[in-house]
């Protein structure tokens, strides 16, 4: 799990890329859970959701800062 401060140091494009990759990984994990692989890594799903939320929050903060509101 990456710390928020490390994410703040990334460029806008890198944040967008990481967000897309995290969403793909979340989708893959959800599909694995549906296929009865629940006992393997049940803790990863909430962690990945938090990572996606953290990335979206940083992207939104930067968008607000650019518009000046």
PDB file of N, CA and C in Angstrom:
ATOM      1  N   UNK A   1       0.834  -1.166   0.000  1.00  0.00           N
ATOM      2  CA  UNK A   1       0.000   0.000   0.000  1.00  0.00           C
ATOM      3  C   UNK A   1       0.889   1.244   0.000  1.00  0.00           C
ATOM      4  N   UNK A   2       0.576   2.172  -0.874  1.00  0.00           N
ATOM      5  CA  UNK A   2       1.372   3.381  -1.038  1.00  0.00           C
ATOM      6  C   UNK A   2       0.832   4.465  -0.116  1.00  0.00           C
ATOM      7  N   UNK A   3       1.735   5.212   0.476  1.00  0.00           N
ATOM      8  CA  UNK A   3       1.322   6.287   1.367  1.00  0.00           C
ATOM      9  C   UNK A   3       0.796   7.469   0.556  1.00  0.00           C
ATOM     10  N   UNK A   4      -0.091   8.223   1.164  1.00  0.00           N
ATOM     11  CA  UNK A   4      -0.726   9.344   0.485  1.00  0.00           C
ATOM     12  C   UNK A   4       0.299  10.394   0.074  1.00  0.00           C
ATOM     13  N   UNK A   5       1.286  10.640   0.909  1.00  0.00           N
ATOM     14  CA  UNK A   5       2.291  11.653   0.583  1.00  0.00           C
ATOM     15  C   UNK A   5       3.069  11.260  -0.671  1.00  0.00           C
ATOM     16  N   UNK A   6       3.353   9.982  -0.836  1.00  0.00           N
ATOM     17  CA  UNK A   6       4.042   9.530  -2.035  1.00  0.00           C
ATOM     18  C   UNK A   6       3.170   9.737  -3.269  1.00  0.00           C
ATOM     19  N   UNK A   7       1.858   9.554  -3.115  1.00  0.00           N
ATOM     20  CA  UNK A   7       0.945   9.766  -4.233  1.00  0.00           C
ATOM     21  C   UNK A   7       0.845  11.236  -4.594  1.00  0.00           C
ATOM     22  N   UNK A   8       0.928  12.104  -3.595  1.00  0.00           N
ATOM     23  CA  UNK A   8       0.844  13.545  -3.863  1.00  0.00           C
ATOM     24  C   UNK A   8       2.024  14.037  -4.708  1.00  0.00           C
ATOM     25  N   UNK A   9       3.133  13.334  -4.641  1.00  0.00           N
ATOM     26  CA  UNK A   9       4.324  13.729  -5.394  1.00  0.00           C
ATOM     27  C   UNK A   9       4.250  13.324  -6.867  1.00  0.00           C
ATOM     28  N   UNK A  10       3.268  12.521  -7.245  1.00  0.00           N
ATOM     29  CA  UNK A  10       3.148  12.048  -8.620  1.00  0.00           C
ATOM     30  C   UNK A  10       2.491  13.096  -9.510  1.00  0.00           C
ATOM     31  N   UNK A  11       2.715  12.970 -10.807  1.00  0.00           N
ATOM     32  CA  UNK A  11       2.088  13.874 -11.767  1.00  0.00           C
ATOM     33  C   UNK A  11       0.627  13.482 -11.959  1.00  0.00           C
ATOM     34  N   UNK A  12      -0.135  14.365 -12.601  1.00  0.00           N
ATOM     35  CA  UNK A  12      -1.549  14.096 -12.861  1.00  0.00           C
ATOM     36  C   UNK A  12      -1.728  12.861 -13.734  1.00  0.00           C
ATOM     37  N   UNK A  13      -0.896  12.734 -14.753  1.00  0.00           N
ATOM     38  CA  UNK A  13      -0.996  11.579 -15.647  1.00  0.00           C
ATOM     39  C   UNK A  13      -0.699  10.277 -14.921  1.00  0.00           C
ATOM     40  N   UNK A  14       0.303  10.303 -14.052  1.00  0.00           N
ATOM     41  CA  UNK A  14       0.654   9.103 -13.296  1.00  0.00           C
ATOM     42  C   UNK A  14      -0.470   8.722 -12.330  1.00  0.00           C
ATOM     43  N   UNK A  15      -1.109   9.709 -11.727  1.00  0.00           N
ATOM     44  CA  UNK A  15      -2.250   9.425 -10.846  1.00  0.00           C
ATOM     45  C   UNK A  15      -3.392   8.784 -11.623  1.00  0.00           C
ATOM     46  N   UNK A  16      -3.684   9.320 -12.805  1.00  0.00           N
ATOM     47  CA  UNK A  16      -4.744   8.759 -13.634  1.00  0.00           C
ATOM     48  C   UNK A  16      -4.421   7.319 -14.021  1.00  0.00           C
ATOM     49  N   UNK A  17      -3.168   7.077 -14.385  1.00  0.00           N
ATOM     50  CA  UNK A  17      -2.746   5.734 -14.774  1.00  0.00           C
ATOM     51  C   UNK A  17      -2.893   4.760 -13.606  1.00  0.00           C
ATOM     52  N   UNK A  18      -2.408   5.158 -12.434  1.00  0.00           N
ATOM     53  CA  UNK A  18      -2.498   4.288 -11.263  1.00  0.00           C
ATOM     54  C   UNK A  18      -3.938   4.020 -10.863  1.00  0.00           C
ATOM     55  N   UNK A  19      -4.787   5.015 -11.018  1.00  0.00           N
ATOM     56  CA  UNK A  19      -6.196   4.833 -10.703  1.00  0.00           C
ATOM     57  C   UNK A  19      -6.818   3.803 -11.644  1.00  0.00           C
ATOM     58  N   UNK A  20      -6.512   3.902 -12.913  1.00  0.00           N
ATOM     59  CA  UNK A  20      -7.018   2.937 -13.875  1.00  0.00           C
ATOM     60  C   UNK A  20      -6.533   1.529 -13.582  1.00  0.00           C
ATOM     61  N   UNK A  21      -5.258   1.401 -13.245  1.00  0.00           N
ATOM     62  CA  UNK A  21      -4.700   0.091 -12.921  1.00  0.00           C
ATOM     63  C   UNK A  21      -5.327  -0.478 -11.651  1.00  0.00           C
ATOM     64  N   UNK A  22      -5.546   0.374 -10.657  1.00  0.00           N
ATOM     65  CA  UNK A  22      -6.154  -0.085  -9.406  1.00  0.00           C
ATOM     66  C   UNK A  22      -7.596  -0.532  -9.641  1.00  0.00           C
ATOM     67  N   UNK A  23      -8.317   0.168 -10.513  1.00  0.00           N
ATOM     68  CA  UNK A  23      -9.689  -0.231 -10.822  1.00  0.00           C
ATOM     69  C   UNK A  23      -9.722  -1.569 -11.552  1.00  0.00           C
ATOM     70  N   UNK A  24      -8.773  -1.779 -12.466  1.00  0.00           N
ATOM     71  CA  UNK A  24      -8.692  -3.067 -13.162  1.00  0.00           C
ATOM     72  C   UNK A  24      -8.400  -4.192 -12.174  1.00  0.00           C
ATOM     73  N   UNK A  25      -7.485  -3.938 -11.258  1.00  0.00           N
ATOM     74  CA  UNK A  25      -7.134  -4.933 -10.254  1.00  0.00           C
ATOM     75  C   UNK A  25      -8.328  -5.222  -9.341  1.00  0.00           C
ATOM     76  N   UNK A  26      -9.067  -4.198  -8.970  1.00  0.00           N
ATOM     77  CA  UNK A  26     -10.255  -4.376  -8.144  1.00  0.00           C
ATOM     78  C   UNK A  26     -11.289  -5.235  -8.873  1.00  0.00           C
ATOM     79  N   UNK A  27     -11.488  -4.980 -10.148  1.00  0.00           N
ATOM     80  CA  UNK A  27     -12.410  -5.774 -10.952  1.00  0.00           C
ATOM     81  C   UNK A  27     -11.976  -7.239 -10.993  1.00  0.00           C
ATOM     82  N   UNK A  28     -10.682  -7.454 -11.194  1.00  0.00           N
ATOM     83  CA  UNK A  28     -10.146  -8.809 -11.239  1.00  0.00           C
ATOM     84  C   UNK A  28     -10.332  -9.521  -9.899  1.00  0.00           C
ATOM     85  N   UNK A  29     -10.084  -8.815  -8.812  1.00  0.00           N
ATOM     86  CA  UNK A  29     -10.251  -9.405  -7.489  1.00  0.00           C
ATOM     87  C   UNK A  29     -11.706  -9.767  -7.205  1.00  0.00           C
ATOM     88  N   UNK A  30     -12.617  -8.894  -7.614  1.00  0.00           N
ATOM     89  CA  UNK A  30     -14.037  -9.183  -7.408  1.00  0.00           C
ATOM     90  C   UNK A  30     -14.448 -10.431  -8.172  1.00  0.00           C
ATOM     91  N   UNK A  31     -13.954 -10.570  -9.383  1.00  0.00           N
ATOM     92  CA  UNK A  31     -14.272 -11.767 -10.170  1.00  0.00           C
ATOM     93  C   UNK A  31     -13.690 -13.024  -9.531  1.00  0.00           C
ATOM     94  N   UNK A  32     -12.499 -12.927  -8.980  1.00  0.00           N
ATOM     95  CA  UNK A  32     -11.899 -14.062  -8.286  1.00  0.00           C
ATOM     96  C   UNK A  32     -12.733 -14.458  -7.079  1.00  0.00           C
ATOM     97  N   UNK A  33     -13.226 -13.468  -6.354  1.00  0.00           N
ATOM     98  CA  UNK A  33     -14.038 -13.749  -5.175  1.00  0.00           C
ATOM     99  C   UNK A  33     -15.327 -14.463  -5.573  1.00  0.00           C
ATOM    100  N   UNK A  34     -15.879 -14.116  -6.710  1.00  0.00           N
ATOM    101  CA  UNK A  34     -17.104 -14.755  -7.176  1.00  0.00           C
ATOM    102  C   UNK A  34     -16.860 -16.209  -7.586  1.00  0.00           C
ATOM    103  N   UNK A  35     -15.627 -16.520  -7.933  1.00  0.00           N
ATOM    104  CA  UNK A  35     -15.295 -17.876  -8.389  1.00  0.00           C
ATOM    105  C   UNK A  35     -14.815 -18.766  -7.244  1.00  0.00           C
ATOM    106  N   UNK A  36     -15.202 -18.431  -6.030  1.00  0.00           N
ATOM    107  CA  UNK A  36     -14.904 -19.229  -4.840  1.00  0.00           C
ATOM    108  C   UNK A  36     -13.431 -19.259  -4.447  1.00  0.00           C
ATOM    109  N   UNK A  37     -12.708 -18.211  -4.691  1.00  0.00           N
ATOM    110  CA  UNK A  37     -11.342 -18.094  -4.187  1.00  0.00           C
ATOM    111  C   UNK A  37     -11.325 -17.197  -2.957  1.00  0.00           C
ATOM    112  N   UNK A  38     -12.370 -17.252  -2.189  1.00  0.00           N
ATOM    113  CA  UNK A  38     -12.533 -16.342  -1.054  1.00  0.00           C
ATOM    114  C   UNK A  38     -11.518 -16.591   0.055  1.00  0.00           C
ATOM    115  N   UNK A  39     -11.107 -17.813   0.232  1.00  0.00           N
ATOM    116  CA  UNK A  39     -10.230 -18.124   1.358  1.00  0.00           C
ATOM    117  C   UNK A  39      -8.798 -17.649   1.135  1.00  0.00           C
ATOM    118  N   UNK A  40      -8.447 -17.308  -0.088  1.00  0.00           N
ATOM    119  CA  UNK A  40      -7.060 -16.960  -0.392  1.00  0.00           C
ATOM    120  C   UNK A  40      -6.644 -15.603   0.155  1.00  0.00           C
ATOM    121  N   UNK A  41      -7.319 -14.555  -0.238  1.00  0.00           N
ATOM    122  CA  UNK A  41      -6.944 -13.209   0.207  1.00  0.00           C
ATOM    123  C   UNK A  41      -8.182 -12.337   0.407  1.00  0.00           C
ATOM    124  N   UNK A  42      -8.957 -12.581   1.436  1.00  0.00           N
ATOM    125  CA  UNK A  42     -10.168 -11.788   1.633  1.00  0.00           C
ATOM    126  C   UNK A  42      -9.887 -10.341   2.048  1.00  0.00           C
ATOM    127  N   UNK A  43      -8.713 -10.070   2.599  1.00  0.00           N
ATOM    128  CA  UNK A  43      -8.395  -8.731   3.075  1.00  0.00           C
ATOM    129  C   UNK A  43      -7.979  -7.781   1.954  1.00  0.00           C
ATOM    130  N   UNK A  44      -7.658  -8.287   0.797  1.00  0.00           N
ATOM    131  CA  UNK A  44      -7.128  -7.451  -0.279  1.00  0.00           C
ATOM    132  C   UNK A  44      -8.212  -6.573  -0.906  1.00  0.00           C
ATOM    133  N   UNK A  45      -9.427  -7.067  -0.976  1.00  0.00           N
ATOM    134  CA  UNK A  45     -10.516  -6.328  -1.611  1.00  0.00           C
ATOM    135  C   UNK A  45     -10.770  -4.976  -0.932  1.00  0.00           C
ATOM    136  N   UNK A  46     -10.937  -4.905   0.385  1.00  0.00           N
ATOM    137  CA  UNK A  46     -11.123  -3.600   1.018  1.00  0.00           C
ATOM    138  C   UNK A  46      -9.906  -2.677   0.868  1.00  0.00           C
ATOM    139  N   UNK A  47      -8.713  -3.254   0.887  1.00  0.00           N
ATOM    140  CA  UNK A  47      -7.506  -2.449   0.700  1.00  0.00           C
ATOM    141  C   UNK A  47      -7.481  -1.813  -0.679  1.00  0.00           C
ATOM    142  N   UNK A  48      -7.864  -2.576  -1.684  1.00  0.00           N
ATOM    143  CA  UNK A  48      -7.857  -2.070  -3.061  1.00  0.00           C
ATOM    144  C   UNK A  48      -8.926  -0.993  -3.229  1.00  0.00           C
ATOM    145  N   UNK A  49     -10.084  -1.183  -2.590  1.00  0.00           N
ATOM    146  CA  UNK A  49     -11.136  -0.161  -2.654  1.00  0.00           C
ATOM    147  C   UNK A  49     -10.654   1.144  -2.033  1.00  0.00           C
ATOM    148  N   UNK A  50      -9.952   1.050  -0.921  1.00  0.00           N
ATOM    149  CA  UNK A  50      -9.409   2.257  -0.278  1.00  0.00           C
ATOM    150  C   UNK A  50      -8.366   2.938  -1.161  1.00  0.00           C
ATOM    151  N   UNK A  51      -7.553   2.138  -1.831  1.00  0.00           N
ATOM    152  CA  UNK A  51      -6.543   2.700  -2.729  1.00  0.00           C
ATOM    153  C   UNK A  51      -7.199   3.471  -3.871  1.00  0.00           C
ATOM    154  N   UNK A  52      -8.254   2.895  -4.463  1.00  0.00           N
ATOM    155  CA  UNK A  52      -8.980   3.577  -5.538  1.00  0.00           C
ATOM    156  C   UNK A  52      -9.588   4.871  -5.006  1.00  0.00           C
ATOM    157  N   UNK A  53     -10.192   4.813  -3.826  1.00  0.00           N
ATOM    158  CA  UNK A  53     -10.804   6.012  -3.241  1.00  0.00           C
ATOM    159  C   UNK A  53      -9.750   7.086  -2.963  1.00  0.00           C
ATOM    160  N   UNK A  54      -8.596   6.673  -2.473  1.00  0.00           N
ATOM    161  CA  UNK A  54      -7.517   7.624  -2.187  1.00  0.00           C
ATOM    162  C   UNK A  54      -7.048   8.307  -3.478  1.00  0.00           C
ATOM    163  N   UNK A  55      -6.890   7.529  -4.536  1.00  0.00           N
ATOM    164  CA  UNK A  55      -6.449   8.089  -5.811  1.00  0.00           C
ATOM    165  C   UNK A  55      -7.497   9.048  -6.381  1.00  0.00           C
ATOM    166  N   UNK A  56      -8.775   8.652  -6.320  1.00  0.00           N
ATOM    167  CA  UNK A  56      -9.834   9.524  -6.826  1.00  0.00           C
ATOM    168  C   UNK A  56      -9.917  10.817  -6.032  1.00  0.00           C
ATOM    169  N   UNK A  57      -9.686  10.745  -4.734  1.00  0.00           N
ATOM    170  CA  UNK A  57      -9.701  11.942  -3.898  1.00  0.00           C
ATOM    171  C   UNK A  57      -8.588  12.895  -4.304  1.00  0.00           C
ATOM    172  N   UNK A  58      -7.390  12.374  -4.520  1.00  0.00           N
ATOM    173  CA  UNK A  58      -6.278  13.232  -4.922  1.00  0.00           C
ATOM    174  C   UNK A  58      -6.518  13.855  -6.294  1.00  0.00           C
ATOM    175  N   UNK A  59      -7.078  13.080  -7.214  1.00  0.00           N
ATOM    176  CA  UNK A  59      -7.388  13.609  -8.547  1.00  0.00           C
ATOM    177  C   UNK A  59      -8.411  14.740  -8.428  1.00  0.00           C
ATOM    178  N   UNK A  60      -9.426  14.526  -7.592  1.00  0.00           N
ATOM    179  CA  UNK A  60     -10.467  15.543  -7.405  1.00  0.00           C
ATOM    180  C   UNK A  60      -9.894  16.802  -6.740  1.00  0.00           C
ATOM    181  N   UNK A  61      -9.017  16.633  -5.756  1.00  0.00           N
ATOM    182  CA  UNK A  61      -8.393  17.781  -5.103  1.00  0.00           C
ATOM    183  C   UNK A  61      -7.616  18.625  -6.099  1.00  0.00           C
ATOM    184  N   UNK A  62      -6.891  17.965  -6.982  1.00  0.00           N
ATOM    185  CA  UNK A  62      -6.107  18.709  -7.985  1.00  0.00           C
ATOM    186  C   UNK A  62      -7.011  19.419  -8.975  1.00  0.00           C
ATOM    187  N   UNK A  63      -8.111  18.802  -9.346  1.00  0.00           N
ATOM    188  CA  UNK A  63      -9.051  19.429 -10.273  1.00  0.00           C
ATOM    189  C   UNK A  63      -9.649  20.693  -9.638  1.00  0.00           C
ATOM    190  N   UNK A  64      -9.980  20.614  -8.374  1.00  0.00           N
ATOM    191  CA  UNK A  64     -10.537  21.769  -7.663  1.00  0.00           C
ATOM    192  C   UNK A  64      -9.490  22.874  -7.558  1.00  0.00           C
ATOM    193  N   UNK A  65      -8.258  22.505  -7.276  1.00  0.00           N
ATOM    194  CA  UNK A  65      -7.187  23.489  -7.145  1.00  0.00           C
ATOM    195  C   UNK A  65      -6.916  24.203  -8.462  1.00  0.00           C
ATOM    196  N   UNK A  66      -7.071  23.502  -9.583  1.00  0.00           N
ATOM    197  CA  UNK A  66      -6.832  24.114 -10.889  1.00  0.00           C
ATOM    198  C   UNK A  66      -7.923  25.103 -11.256  1.00  0.00           C
ATOM    199  N   UNK A  67      -9.157  24.811 -10.856  1.00  0.00           N
ATOM    200  CA  UNK A  67     -10.263  25.717 -11.196  1.00  0.00           C
ATOM    201  C   UNK A  67     -10.323  26.897 -10.245  1.00  0.00           C
ATOM    202  N   UNK A  68      -9.679  26.783  -9.091  1.00  0.00           N
ATOM    203  CA  UNK A  68      -9.622  27.914  -8.166  1.00  0.00           C
ATOM    204  C   UNK A  68     -10.797  28.003  -7.234  1.00  0.00           C
ATOM    205  N   UNK A  69     -11.578  26.969  -7.118  1.00  0.00           N
ATOM    206  CA  UNK A  69     -12.730  27.001  -6.199  1.00  0.00           C
ATOM    207  C   UNK A  69     -12.397  26.339  -4.915  1.00  0.00           C
TER     208      UNK A  69
END
